[in-house]
Amino acid sequence: MKGISIIGLAMGAGLTLAACSTPAPKPLEARNVSAPLQLPAGLASRYQPGETVALAAPTTLFLHPLVKGETAAKLPPGALVKLKSRVLNAEGPWWLIEGQNAAGWVSEKTLPTQ
């Protein structure tokens, strides 16, 4: 008898909870979304992430995108590096680059002109 009453209570609680459930919220729809198609002059870059570049001069890699930051490595002229990502800070644009044996940050000013 106890077993039947416990099952009855559990079933009743389940039905009560099911009756109290709320419907899932509707997904939000984007409206009036606009973004600039091009970056303003000075913020745009001639480089793209994933691009491979040959360094024209000896280049210092930094651990952080700061001119006075800690040095990670130095790469010789002609070293091929892959551009990973770009950031902008008060010192200008910086690229996270990856070479054959080193990775770090370089100022975009130090990359060769194309």
PDB file of N, CA and C in Angstrom:
ATOM      1  N   MET A   1       0.812  -1.183   0.000  1.00  0.00           N
ATOM      2  CA  MET A   1       0.000   0.000   0.000  1.00  0.00           C
ATOM      3  C   MET A   1       0.867   1.262   0.000  1.00  0.00           C
ATOM      4  N   LYS A   2       1.961   1.218   0.805  1.00  0.00           N
ATOM      5  CA  LYS A   2       2.856   2.367   0.833  1.00  0.00           C
ATOM      6  C   LYS A   2       3.470   2.608  -0.539  1.00  0.00           C
ATOM      7  N   GLY A   3       3.843   1.505  -1.234  1.00  0.00           N
ATOM      8  CA  GLY A   3       4.461   1.619  -2.548  1.00  0.00           C
ATOM      9  C   GLY A   3       3.535   2.282  -3.547  1.00  0.00           C
ATOM     10  N   ILE A   4       2.259   1.938  -3.495  1.00  0.00           N
ATOM     11  CA  ILE A   4       1.295   2.511  -4.432  1.00  0.00           C
ATOM     12  C   ILE A   4       1.088   3.990  -4.147  1.00  0.00           C
ATOM     13  N   SER A   5       1.029   4.391  -2.886  1.00  0.00           N
ATOM     14  CA  SER A   5       0.812   5.804  -2.565  1.00  0.00           C
ATOM     15  C   SER A   5       2.035   6.646  -2.938  1.00  0.00           C
ATOM     16  N   ILE A   6       3.240   6.095  -2.795  1.00  0.00           N
ATOM     17  CA  ILE A   6       4.448   6.844  -3.181  1.00  0.00           C
ATOM     18  C   ILE A   6       4.471   7.043  -4.689  1.00  0.00           C
ATOM     19  N   ILE A   7       4.119   5.998  -5.444  1.00  0.00           N
ATOM     20  CA  ILE A   7       4.074   6.118  -6.907  1.00  0.00           C
ATOM     21  C   ILE A   7       3.014   7.133  -7.310  1.00  0.00           C
ATOM     22  N   GLY A   8       1.874   7.111  -6.644  1.00  0.00           N
ATOM     23  CA  GLY A   8       0.805   8.065  -6.939  1.00  0.00           C
ATOM     24  C   GLY A   8       1.246   9.494  -6.677  1.00  0.00           C
ATOM     25  N   LEU A   9       1.959   9.718  -5.567  1.00  0.00           N
ATOM     26  CA  LEU A   9       2.463  11.054  -5.259  1.00  0.00           C
ATOM     27  C   LEU A   9       3.468  11.513  -6.306  1.00  0.00           C
ATOM     28  N   ALA A  10       4.366  10.621  -6.703  1.00  0.00           N
ATOM     29  CA  ALA A  10       5.381  10.970  -7.697  1.00  0.00           C
ATOM     30  C   ALA A  10       4.733  11.318  -9.029  1.00  0.00           C
ATOM     31  N   MET A  11       3.733  10.539  -9.433  1.00  0.00           N
ATOM     32  CA  MET A  11       3.046  10.809 -10.695  1.00  0.00           C
ATOM     33  C   MET A  11       2.285  12.127 -10.620  1.00  0.00           C
ATOM     34  N   GLY A  12       1.651  12.387  -9.492  1.00  0.00           N
ATOM     35  CA  GLY A  12       0.915  13.639  -9.311  1.00  0.00           C
ATOM     36  C   GLY A  12       1.852  14.837  -9.355  1.00  0.00           C
ATOM     37  N   ALA A  13       3.017  14.713  -8.729  1.00  0.00           N
ATOM     38  CA  ALA A  13       3.997  15.800  -8.741  1.00  0.00           C
ATOM     39  C   ALA A  13       4.496  16.043 -10.155  1.00  0.00           C
ATOM     40  N   GLY A  14       4.716  14.963 -10.894  1.00  0.00           N
ATOM     41  CA  GLY A  14       5.173  15.095 -12.280  1.00  0.00           C
ATOM     42  C   GLY A  14       4.152  15.799 -13.142  1.00  0.00           C
ATOM     43  N   LEU A  15       2.886  15.460 -12.976  1.00  0.00           N
ATOM     44  CA  LEU A  15       1.833  16.115 -13.749  1.00  0.00           C
ATOM     45  C   LEU A  15       1.713  17.583 -13.374  1.00  0.00           C
ATOM     46  N   THR A  16       1.857  17.884 -12.088  1.00  0.00           N
ATOM     47  CA  THR A  16       1.779  19.268 -11.632  1.00  0.00           C
ATOM     48  C   THR A  16       2.920  20.082 -12.225  1.00  0.00           C
ATOM     49  N   LEU A  17       4.146  19.537 -12.208  1.00  0.00           N
ATOM     50  CA  LEU A  17       5.295  20.250 -12.769  1.00  0.00           C
ATOM     51  C   LEU A  17       5.142  20.439 -14.270  1.00  0.00           C
ATOM     52  N   ALA A  18       4.636  19.417 -14.956  1.00  0.00           N
ATOM     53  CA  ALA A  18       4.451  19.528 -16.402  1.00  0.00           C
ATOM     54  C   ALA A  18       3.427  20.606 -16.727  1.00  0.00           C
ATOM     55  N   ALA A  19       2.386  20.725 -15.919  1.00  0.00           N
ATOM     56  CA  ALA A  19       1.349  21.722 -16.164  1.00  0.00           C
ATOM     57  C   ALA A  19       1.856  23.133 -15.895  1.00  0.00           C
ATOM     58  N   CYS A  20       2.884  23.283 -15.047  1.00  0.00           N
ATOM     59  CA  CYS A  20       3.404  24.601 -14.679  1.00  0.00           C
ATOM     60  C   CYS A  20       4.554  25.059 -15.571  1.00  0.00           C
ATOM     61  N   SER A  21       5.009  24.213 -16.458  1.00  0.00           N
ATOM     62  CA  SER A  21       6.173  24.594 -17.264  1.00  0.00           C
ATOM     63  C   SER A  21       5.804  25.722 -18.221  1.00  0.00           C
ATOM     64  N   THR A  22       6.784  26.569 -18.505  1.00  0.00           N
ATOM     65  CA  THR A  22       6.570  27.680 -19.423  1.00  0.00           C
ATOM     66  C   THR A  22       7.158  27.319 -20.780  1.00  0.00           C
ATOM     67  N   PRO A  23       6.625  27.877 -21.826  1.00  0.00           N
ATOM     68  CA  PRO A  23       7.176  27.568 -23.150  1.00  0.00           C
ATOM     69  C   PRO A  23       8.586  28.145 -23.292  1.00  0.00           C
ATOM     70  N   ALA A  24       9.363  27.541 -24.160  1.00  0.00           N
ATOM     71  CA  ALA A  24      10.731  28.008 -24.404  1.00  0.00           C
ATOM     72  C   ALA A  24      10.683  29.416 -24.996  1.00  0.00           C
ATOM     73  N   PRO A  25      11.629  30.277 -24.610  1.00  0.00           N
ATOM     74  CA  PRO A  25      11.632  31.633 -25.163  1.00  0.00           C
ATOM     75  C   PRO A  25      11.935  31.607 -26.660  1.00  0.00           C
ATOM     76  N   LYS A  26      11.371  32.569 -27.372  1.00  0.00           N
ATOM     77  CA  LYS A  26      11.620  32.672 -28.807  1.00  0.00           C
ATOM     78  C   LYS A  26      13.014  33.253 -29.029  1.00  0.00           C
ATOM     79  N   PRO A  27      13.727  32.783 -30.061  1.00  0.00           N
ATOM     80  CA  PRO A  27      15.046  33.365 -30.344  1.00  0.00           C
ATOM     81  C   PRO A  27      14.902  34.820 -30.790  1.00  0.00           C
ATOM     82  N   LEU A  28      15.885  35.624 -30.442  1.00  0.00           N
ATOM     83  CA  LEU A  28      15.868  37.034 -30.830  1.00  0.00           C
ATOM     84  C   LEU A  28      16.176  37.165 -32.313  1.00  0.00           C
ATOM     85  N   GLU A  29      15.554  38.136 -32.937  1.00  0.00           N
ATOM     86  CA  GLU A  29      15.820  38.418 -34.338  1.00  0.00           C
ATOM     87  C   GLU A  29      16.605  39.717 -34.429  1.00  0.00           C
ATOM     88  N   ALA A  30      17.624  39.736 -35.290  1.00  0.00           N
ATOM     89  CA  ALA A  30      18.408  40.950 -35.491  1.00  0.00           C
ATOM     90  C   ALA A  30      17.619  41.909 -36.370  1.00  0.00           C
ATOM     91  N   ARG A  31      17.531  43.141 -35.926  1.00  0.00           N
ATOM     92  CA  ARG A  31      16.831  44.163 -36.701  1.00  0.00           C
ATOM     93  C   ARG A  31      17.717  45.391 -36.819  1.00  0.00           C
ATOM     94  N   ASN A  32      17.654  46.034 -37.949  1.00  0.00           N
ATOM     95  CA  ASN A  32      18.423  47.260 -38.189  1.00  0.00           C
ATOM     96  C   ASN A  32      19.897  47.094 -37.845  1.00  0.00           C
ATOM     97  N   VAL A  33      20.465  46.012 -38.285  1.00  0.00           N
ATOM     98  CA  VAL A  33      21.884  45.781 -38.037  1.00  0.00           C
ATOM     99  C   VAL A  33      22.663  46.415 -39.173  1.00  0.00           C
ATOM    100  N   SER A  34      23.544  47.321 -38.833  1.00  0.00           N
ATOM    101  CA  SER A  34      24.383  47.929 -39.859  1.00  0.00           C
ATOM    102  C   SER A  34      25.799  48.015 -39.327  1.00  0.00           C
ATOM    103  N   ALA A  35      26.733  47.830 -40.205  1.00  0.00           N
ATOM    104  CA  ALA A  35      28.139  47.913 -39.838  1.00  0.00           C
ATOM    105  C   ALA A  35      28.885  48.521 -41.014  1.00  0.00           C
ATOM    106  N   PRO A  36      29.964  49.221 -40.739  1.00  0.00           N
ATOM    107  CA  PRO A  36      30.727  49.787 -41.854  1.00  0.00           C
ATOM    108  C   PRO A  36      31.301  48.664 -42.718  1.00  0.00           C
ATOM    109  N   LEU A  37      31.273  48.878 -44.009  1.00  0.00           N
ATOM    110  CA  LEU A  37      31.818  47.880 -44.919  1.00  0.00           C
ATOM    111  C   LEU A  37      33.331  47.967 -44.994  1.00  0.00           C
ATOM    112  N   GLN A  38      33.873  49.139 -44.723  1.00  0.00           N
ATOM    113  CA  GLN A  38      35.317  49.327 -44.734  1.00  0.00           C
ATOM    114  C   GLN A  38      35.725  50.074 -43.473  1.00  0.00           C
ATOM    115  N   LEU A  39      36.926  49.772 -43.005  1.00  0.00           N
ATOM    116  CA  LEU A  39      37.445  50.507 -41.856  1.00  0.00           C
ATOM    117  C   LEU A  39      37.850  51.903 -42.305  1.00  0.00           C
ATOM    118  N   PRO A  40      37.757  52.882 -41.428  1.00  0.00           N
ATOM    119  CA  PRO A  40      38.207  54.231 -41.773  1.00  0.00           C
ATOM    120  C   PRO A  40      39.697  54.235 -42.104  1.00  0.00           C
ATOM    121  N   ALA A  41      40.105  55.216 -42.890  1.00  0.00           N
ATOM    122  CA  ALA A  41      41.524  55.348 -43.238  1.00  0.00           C
ATOM    123  C   ALA A  41      42.352  55.394 -41.962  1.00  0.00           C
ATOM    124  N   GLY A  42      43.462  54.728 -41.952  1.00  0.00           N
ATOM    125  CA  GLY A  42      44.318  54.669 -40.769  1.00  0.00           C
ATOM    126  C   GLY A  42      44.076  53.432 -39.934  1.00  0.00           C
ATOM    127  N   LEU A  43      42.882  52.856 -40.018  1.00  0.00           N
ATOM    128  CA  LEU A  43      42.598  51.631 -39.275  1.00  0.00           C
ATOM    129  C   LEU A  43      42.669  50.398 -40.169  1.00  0.00           C
ATOM    130  N   ALA A  44      42.501  50.597 -41.465  1.00  0.00           N
ATOM    131  CA  ALA A  44      42.555  49.475 -42.401  1.00  0.00           C
ATOM    132  C   ALA A  44      43.997  48.988 -42.523  1.00  0.00           C
ATOM    133  N   SER A  45      44.159  47.747 -42.931  1.00  0.00           N
ATOM    134  CA  SER A  45      45.490  47.171 -43.089  1.00  0.00           C
ATOM    135  C   SER A  45      45.643  46.609 -44.491  1.00  0.00           C
ATOM    136  N   ARG A  46      46.853  46.652 -44.989  1.00  0.00           N
ATOM    137  CA  ARG A  46      47.117  46.047 -46.300  1.00  0.00           C
ATOM    138  C   ARG A  46      47.312  44.543 -46.171  1.00  0.00           C
ATOM    139  N   TYR A  47      47.383  44.047 -44.940  1.00  0.00           N
ATOM    140  CA  TYR A  47      47.597  42.621 -44.673  1.00  0.00           C
ATOM    141  C   TYR A  47      46.302  41.950 -44.235  1.00  0.00           C
ATOM    142  N   GLN A  48      46.274  40.635 -44.367  1.00  0.00           N
ATOM    143  CA  GLN A  48      45.127  39.835 -43.948  1.00  0.00           C
ATOM    144  C   GLN A  48      45.600  38.702 -43.042  1.00  0.00           C
ATOM    145  N   PRO A  49      44.812  38.312 -42.035  1.00  0.00           N
ATOM    146  CA  PRO A  49      45.179  37.151 -41.220  1.00  0.00           C
ATOM    147  C   PRO A  49      45.340  35.916 -42.110  1.00  0.00           C
ATOM    148  N   GLY A  50      46.364  35.124 -41.806  1.00  0.00           N
ATOM    149  CA  GLY A  50      46.645  33.919 -42.584  1.00  0.00           C
ATOM    150  C   GLY A  50      47.661  34.146 -43.685  1.00  0.00           C
ATOM    151  N   GLU A  51      47.947  35.407 -43.987  1.00  0.00           N
ATOM    152  CA  GLU A  51      48.904  35.748 -45.043  1.00  0.00           C
ATOM    153  C   GLU A  51      50.330  35.433 -44.582  1.00  0.00           C
ATOM    154  N   THR A  52      51.191  35.003 -45.516  1.00  0.00           N
ATOM    155  CA  THR A  52      52.604  34.764 -45.222  1.00  0.00           C
ATOM    156  C   THR A  52      53.405  35.934 -45.771  1.00  0.00           C
ATOM    157  N   VAL A  53      54.322  36.449 -44.946  1.00  0.00           N
ATOM    158  CA  VAL A  53      55.111  37.623 -45.301  1.00  0.00           C
ATOM    159  C   VAL A  53      56.586  37.301 -45.093  1.00  0.00           C
ATOM    160  N   ALA A  54      57.440  37.780 -45.995  1.00  0.00           N
ATOM    161  CA  ALA A  54      58.893  37.676 -45.823  1.00  0.00           C
ATOM    162  C   ALA A  54      59.379  38.980 -45.193  1.00  0.00           C
ATOM    163  N   LEU A  55      60.038  38.884 -44.054  1.00  0.00           N
ATOM    164  CA  LEU A  55      60.524  40.079 -43.362  1.00  0.00           C
ATOM    165  C   LEU A  55      61.655  40.714 -44.157  1.00  0.00           C
ATOM    166  N   ALA A  56      61.635  42.039 -44.286  1.00  0.00           N
ATOM    167  CA  ALA A  56      62.638  42.749 -45.069  1.00  0.00           C
ATOM    168  C   ALA A  56      63.864  43.120 -44.239  1.00  0.00           C
ATOM    169  N   ALA A  57      63.721  43.188 -42.938  1.00  0.00           N
ATOM    170  CA  ALA A  57      64.813  43.619 -42.059  1.00  0.00           C
ATOM    171  C   ALA A  57      64.810  42.755 -40.803  1.00  0.00           C
ATOM    172  N   PRO A  58      65.906  42.808 -40.023  1.00  0.00           N
ATOM    173  CA  PRO A  58      65.874  42.094 -38.739  1.00  0.00           C
ATOM    174  C   PRO A  58      64.684  42.608 -37.921  1.00  0.00           C
ATOM    175  N   THR A  59      63.930  41.702 -37.339  1.00  0.00           N
ATOM    176  CA  THR A  59      62.688  42.072 -36.659  1.00  0.00           C
ATOM    177  C   THR A  59      62.647  41.495 -35.254  1.00  0.00           C
ATOM    178  N   THR A  60      62.314  42.343 -34.286  1.00  0.00           N
ATOM    179  CA  THR A  60      62.168  41.913 -32.900  1.00  0.00           C
ATOM    180  C   THR A  60      60.722  41.525 -32.654  1.00  0.00           C
ATOM    181  N   LEU A  61      60.523  40.348 -32.070  1.00  0.00           N
ATOM    182  CA  LEU A  61      59.190  39.901 -31.664  1.00  0.00           C
ATOM    183  C   LEU A  61      59.024  40.209 -30.184  1.00  0.00           C
ATOM    184  N   PHE A  62      57.855  40.692 -29.809  1.00  0.00           N
ATOM    185  CA  PHE A  62      57.571  41.025 -28.417  1.00  0.00           C
ATOM    186  C   PHE A  62      56.537  40.061 -27.844  1.00  0.00           C
ATOM    187  N   LEU A  63      56.598  39.850 -26.520  1.00  0.00           N
ATOM    188  CA  LEU A  63      55.625  38.981 -25.856  1.00  0.00           C
ATOM    189  C   LEU A  63      54.236  39.610 -25.817  1.00  0.00           C
ATOM    190  N   HIS A  64      54.191  40.940 -25.817  1.00  0.00           N
ATOM    191  CA  HIS A  64      52.934  41.688 -25.782  1.00  0.00           C
ATOM    192  C   HIS A  64      53.019  42.798 -26.824  1.00  0.00           C
ATOM    193  N   PRO A  65      51.905  43.284 -27.328  1.00  0.00           N
ATOM    194  CA  PRO A  65      51.948  44.342 -28.338  1.00  0.00           C
ATOM    195  C   PRO A  65      52.280  45.713 -27.751  1.00  0.00           C
ATOM    196  N   LEU A  66      53.513  45.841 -27.269  1.00  0.00           N
ATOM    197  CA  LEU A  66      54.008  47.086 -26.675  1.00  0.00           C
ATOM    198  C   LEU A  66      55.461  47.287 -27.080  1.00  0.00           C
ATOM    199  N   VAL A  67      55.816  48.509 -27.504  1.00  0.00           N
ATOM    200  CA  VAL A  67      57.190  48.797 -27.920  1.00  0.00           C
ATOM    201  C   VAL A  67      58.174  48.562 -26.779  1.00  0.00           C
ATOM    202  N   LYS A  68      57.781  48.890 -25.557  1.00  0.00           N
ATOM    203  CA  LYS A  68      58.675  48.699 -24.414  1.00  0.00           C
ATOM    204  C   LYS A  68      58.441  47.355 -23.734  1.00  0.00           C
ATOM    205  N   GLY A  69      57.791  46.437 -24.439  1.00  0.00           N
ATOM    206  CA  GLY A  69      57.497  45.126 -23.874  1.00  0.00           C
ATOM    207  C   GLY A  69      58.714  44.213 -23.871  1.00  0.00           C
ATOM    208  N   GLU A  70      58.529  43.066 -23.266  1.00  0.00           N
ATOM    209  CA  GLU A  70      59.596  42.073 -23.176  1.00  0.00           C
ATOM    210  C   GLU A  70      59.800  41.405 -24.536  1.00  0.00           C
ATOM    211  N   THR A  71      61.076  41.236 -24.912  1.00  0.00           N
ATOM    212  CA  THR A  71      61.415  40.634 -26.198  1.00  0.00           C
ATOM    213  C   THR A  71      61.211  39.129 -26.157  1.00  0.00           C
ATOM    214  N   ALA A  72      60.568  38.594 -27.195  1.00  0.00           N
ATOM    215  CA  ALA A  72      60.341  37.148 -27.296  1.00  0.00           C
ATOM    216  C   ALA A  72      61.421  36.497 -28.150  1.00  0.00           C
ATOM    217  N   ALA A  73      61.788  37.145 -29.265  1.00  0.00           N
ATOM    218  CA  ALA A  73      62.787  36.582 -30.184  1.00  0.00           C
ATOM    219  C   ALA A  73      63.176  37.649 -31.196  1.00  0.00           C
ATOM    220  N   LYS A  74      64.217  37.354 -31.955  1.00  0.00           N
ATOM    221  CA  LYS A  74      64.627  38.217 -33.069  1.00  0.00           C
ATOM    222  C   LYS A  74      64.688  37.348 -34.307  1.00  0.00           C
ATOM    223  N   LEU A  75      64.109  37.855 -35.384  1.00  0.00           N
ATOM    224  CA  LEU A  75      64.094  37.108 -36.638  1.00  0.00           C
ATOM    225  C   LEU A  75      64.955  37.826 -37.674  1.00  0.00           C
ATOM    226  N   PRO A  76      65.664  37.061 -38.506  1.00  0.00           N
ATOM    227  CA  PRO A  76      66.540  37.668 -39.515  1.00  0.00           C
ATOM    228  C   PRO A  76      65.749  38.149 -40.735  1.00  0.00           C
ATOM    229  N   PRO A  77      66.376  38.999 -41.556  1.00  0.00           N
ATOM    230  CA  PRO A  77      65.719  39.402 -42.798  1.00  0.00           C
ATOM    231  C   PRO A  77      65.453  38.169 -43.664  1.00  0.00           C
ATOM    232  N   GLY A  78      64.348  38.193 -44.373  1.00  0.00           N
ATOM    233  CA  GLY A  78      64.000  37.077 -45.242  1.00  0.00           C
ATOM    234  C   GLY A  78      63.219  35.973 -44.558  1.00  0.00           C
ATOM    235  N   ALA A  79      63.095  36.032 -43.233  1.00  0.00           N
ATOM    236  CA  ALA A  79      62.336  35.002 -42.511  1.00  0.00           C
ATOM    237  C   ALA A  79      60.871  35.069 -42.942  1.00  0.00           C
ATOM    238  N   LEU A  80      60.284  33.908 -43.193  1.00  0.00           N
ATOM    239  CA  LEU A  80      58.867  33.841 -43.552  1.00  0.00           C
ATOM    240  C   LEU A  80      58.037  33.687 -42.287  1.00  0.00           C
ATOM    241  N   VAL A  81      57.036  34.544 -42.145  1.00  0.00           N
ATOM    242  CA  VAL A  81      56.162  34.496 -40.973  1.00  0.00           C
ATOM    243  C   VAL A  81      54.709  34.493 -41.431  1.00  0.00           C
ATOM    244  N   LYS A  82      53.859  33.881 -40.614  1.00  0.00           N
ATOM    245  CA  LYS A  82      52.422  33.855 -40.891  1.00  0.00           C
ATOM    246  C   LYS A  82      51.740  34.853 -39.967  1.00  0.00           C
ATOM    247  N   LEU A  83      50.906  35.705 -40.537  1.00  0.00           N
ATOM    248  CA  LEU A  83      50.155  36.688 -39.758  1.00  0.00           C
ATOM    249  C   LEU A  83      48.944  35.994 -39.147  1.00  0.00           C
ATOM    250  N   LYS A  84      48.855  36.020 -37.814  1.00  0.00           N
ATOM    251  CA  LYS A  84      47.781  35.307 -37.112  1.00  0.00           C
ATOM    252  C   LYS A  84      46.588  36.216 -36.807  1.00  0.00           C
ATOM    253  N   SER A  85      46.829  37.318 -36.107  1.00  0.00           N
ATOM    254  CA  SER A  85      45.736  38.230 -35.762  1.00  0.00           C
ATOM    255  C   SER A  85      46.291  39.634 -35.549  1.00  0.00           C
ATOM    256  N   ARG A  86      45.400  40.613 -35.620  1.00  0.00           N
ATOM    257  CA  ARG A  86      45.799  42.017 -35.539  1.00  0.00           C
ATOM    258  C   ARG A  86      45.037  42.695 -34.409  1.00  0.00           C
ATOM    259  N   VAL A  87      45.736  43.564 -33.682  1.00  0.00           N
ATOM    260  CA  VAL A  87      45.094  44.379 -32.652  1.00  0.00           C
ATOM    261  C   VAL A  87      45.504  45.833 -32.852  1.00  0.00           C
ATOM    262  N   LEU A  88      44.671  46.725 -32.356  1.00  0.00           N
ATOM    263  CA  LEU A  88      44.981  48.154 -32.358  1.00  0.00           C
ATOM    264  C   LEU A  88      45.084  48.607 -30.913  1.00  0.00           C
ATOM    265  N   ASN A  89      46.126  49.370 -30.611  1.00  0.00           N
ATOM    266  CA  ASN A  89      46.231  49.968 -29.283  1.00  0.00           C
ATOM    267  C   ASN A  89      46.762  51.386 -29.437  1.00  0.00           C
ATOM    268  N   ALA A  90      47.123  52.028 -28.343  1.00  0.00           N
ATOM    269  CA  ALA A  90      47.585  53.413 -28.384  1.00  0.00           C
ATOM    270  C   ALA A  90      48.854  53.573 -29.212  1.00  0.00           C
ATOM    271  N   GLU A  91      49.619  52.492 -29.383  1.00  0.00           N
ATOM    272  CA  GLU A  91      50.860  52.541 -30.168  1.00  0.00           C
ATOM    273  C   GLU A  91      50.623  52.220 -31.642  1.00  0.00           C
ATOM    274  N   GLY A  92      49.386  51.935 -32.013  1.00  0.00           N
ATOM    275  CA  GLY A  92      49.077  51.632 -33.407  1.00  0.00           C
ATOM    276  C   GLY A  92      48.741  50.165 -33.606  1.00  0.00           C
ATOM    277  N   PRO A  93      48.707  49.724 -34.868  1.00  0.00           N
ATOM    278  CA  PRO A  93      48.357  48.330 -35.159  1.00  0.00           C
ATOM    279  C   PRO A  93      49.531  47.374 -34.917  1.00  0.00           C
ATOM    280  N   TRP A  94      49.209  46.206 -34.378  1.00  0.00           N
ATOM    281  CA  TRP A  94      50.193  45.151 -34.112  1.00  0.00           C
ATOM    282  C   TRP A  94      49.681  43.839 -34.689  1.00  0.00           C
ATOM    283  N   TRP A  95      50.606  42.977 -35.100  1.00  0.00           N
ATOM    284  CA  TRP A  95      50.267  41.647 -35.604  1.00  0.00           C
ATOM    285  C   TRP A  95      50.906  40.585 -34.739  1.00  0.00           C
ATOM    286  N   LEU A  96      50.138  39.577 -34.414  1.00  0.00           N
ATOM    287  CA  LEU A  96      50.674  38.369 -33.797  1.00  0.00           C
ATOM    288  C   LEU A  96      51.154  37.522 -34.962  1.00  0.00           C
ATOM    289  N   ILE A  97      52.454  37.207 -34.966  1.00  0.00           N
ATOM    290  CA  ILE A  97      53.005  36.441 -36.080  1.00  0.00           C
ATOM    291  C   ILE A  97      53.613  35.144 -35.571  1.00  0.00           C
ATOM    292  N   GLU A  98      53.730  34.211 -36.482  1.00  0.00           N
ATOM    293  CA  GLU A  98      54.301  32.906 -36.159  1.00  0.00           C
ATOM    294  C   GLU A  98      55.340  32.583 -37.221  1.00  0.00           C
ATOM    295  N   GLY A  99      56.586  32.383 -36.766  1.00  0.00           N
ATOM    296  CA  GLY A  99      57.659  31.988 -37.671  1.00  0.00           C
ATOM    297  C   GLY A  99      57.946  30.509 -37.509  1.00  0.00           C
ATOM    298  N   GLN A 100      59.034  30.067 -38.127  1.00  0.00           N
ATOM    299  CA  GLN A 100      59.359  28.645 -38.058  1.00  0.00           C
ATOM    300  C   GLN A 100      59.664  28.203 -36.627  1.00  0.00           C
ATOM    301  N   ASN A 101      60.398  29.021 -35.888  1.00  0.00           N
ATOM    302  CA  ASN A 101      60.790  28.640 -34.524  1.00  0.00           C
ATOM    303  C   ASN A 101      60.401  29.667 -33.473  1.00  0.00           C
ATOM    304  N   ALA A 102      59.565  30.631 -33.817  1.00  0.00           N
ATOM    305  CA  ALA A 102      59.230  31.682 -32.853  1.00  0.00           C
ATOM    306  C   ALA A 102      57.861  32.276 -33.172  1.00  0.00           C
ATOM    307  N   ALA A 103      57.269  32.862 -32.150  1.00  0.00           N
ATOM    308  CA  ALA A 103      56.005  33.576 -32.315  1.00  0.00           C
ATOM    309  C   ALA A 103      56.032  34.791 -31.402  1.00  0.00           C
ATOM    310  N   GLY A 104      55.330  35.831 -31.774  1.00  0.00           N
ATOM    311  CA  GLY A 104      55.273  37.031 -30.953  1.00  0.00           C
ATOM    312  C   GLY A 104      54.581  38.150 -31.702  1.00  0.00           C
ATOM    313  N   TRP A 105      54.638  39.338 -31.124  1.00  0.00           N
ATOM    314  CA  TRP A 105      53.972  40.518 -31.666  1.00  0.00           C
ATOM    315  C   TRP A 105      54.971  41.436 -32.352  1.00  0.00           C
ATOM    316  N   VAL A 106      54.558  42.003 -33.492  1.00  0.00           N
ATOM    317  CA  VAL A 106      55.357  43.020 -34.181  1.00  0.00           C
ATOM    318  C   VAL A 106      54.445  44.185 -34.539  1.00  0.00           C
ATOM    319  N   SER A 107      55.022  45.376 -34.521  1.00  0.00           N
ATOM    320  CA  SER A 107      54.282  46.545 -34.967  1.00  0.00           C
ATOM    321  C   SER A 107      54.090  46.427 -36.474  1.00  0.00           C
ATOM    322  N   GLU A 108      52.925  46.808 -36.953  1.00  0.00           N
ATOM    323  CA  GLU A 108      52.671  46.730 -38.396  1.00  0.00           C
ATOM    324  C   GLU A 108      53.669  47.574 -39.178  1.00  0.00           C
ATOM    325  N   LYS A 109      54.213  48.625 -38.546  1.00  0.00           N
ATOM    326  CA  LYS A 109      55.197  49.494 -39.210  1.00  0.00           C
ATOM    327  C   LYS A 109      56.460  48.731 -39.594  1.00  0.00           C
ATOM    328  N   THR A 110      56.767  47.640 -38.874  1.00  0.00           N
ATOM    329  CA  THR A 110      57.993  46.889 -39.162  1.00  0.00           C
ATOM    330  C   THR A 110      57.816  45.868 -40.282  1.00  0.00           C
ATOM    331  N   LEU A 111      56.578  45.630 -40.707  1.00  0.00           N
ATOM    332  CA  LEU A 111      56.342  44.675 -41.795  1.00  0.00           C
ATOM    333  C   LEU A 111      56.679  45.335 -43.129  1.00  0.00           C
ATOM    334  N   PRO A 112      57.115  44.538 -44.111  1.00  0.00           N
ATOM    335  CA  PRO A 112      57.499  45.129 -45.404  1.00  0.00           C
ATOM    336  C   PRO A 112      56.292  45.697 -46.146  1.00  0.00           C
ATOM    337  N   THR A 113      56.549  46.726 -46.944  1.00  0.00           N
ATOM    338  CA  THR A 113      55.479  47.254 -47.788  1.00  0.00           C
ATOM    339  C   THR A 113      55.313  46.311 -48.963  1.00  0.00           C
ATOM    340  N   GLN A 114      54.103  46.140 -49.390  1.00  0.00           N
ATOM    341  CA  GLN A 114      53.842  45.172 -50.466  1.00  0.00           C
ATOM    342  C   GLN A 114      53.878  45.827 -51.816  1.00  0.00           C
TER     343      GLN A 114
END
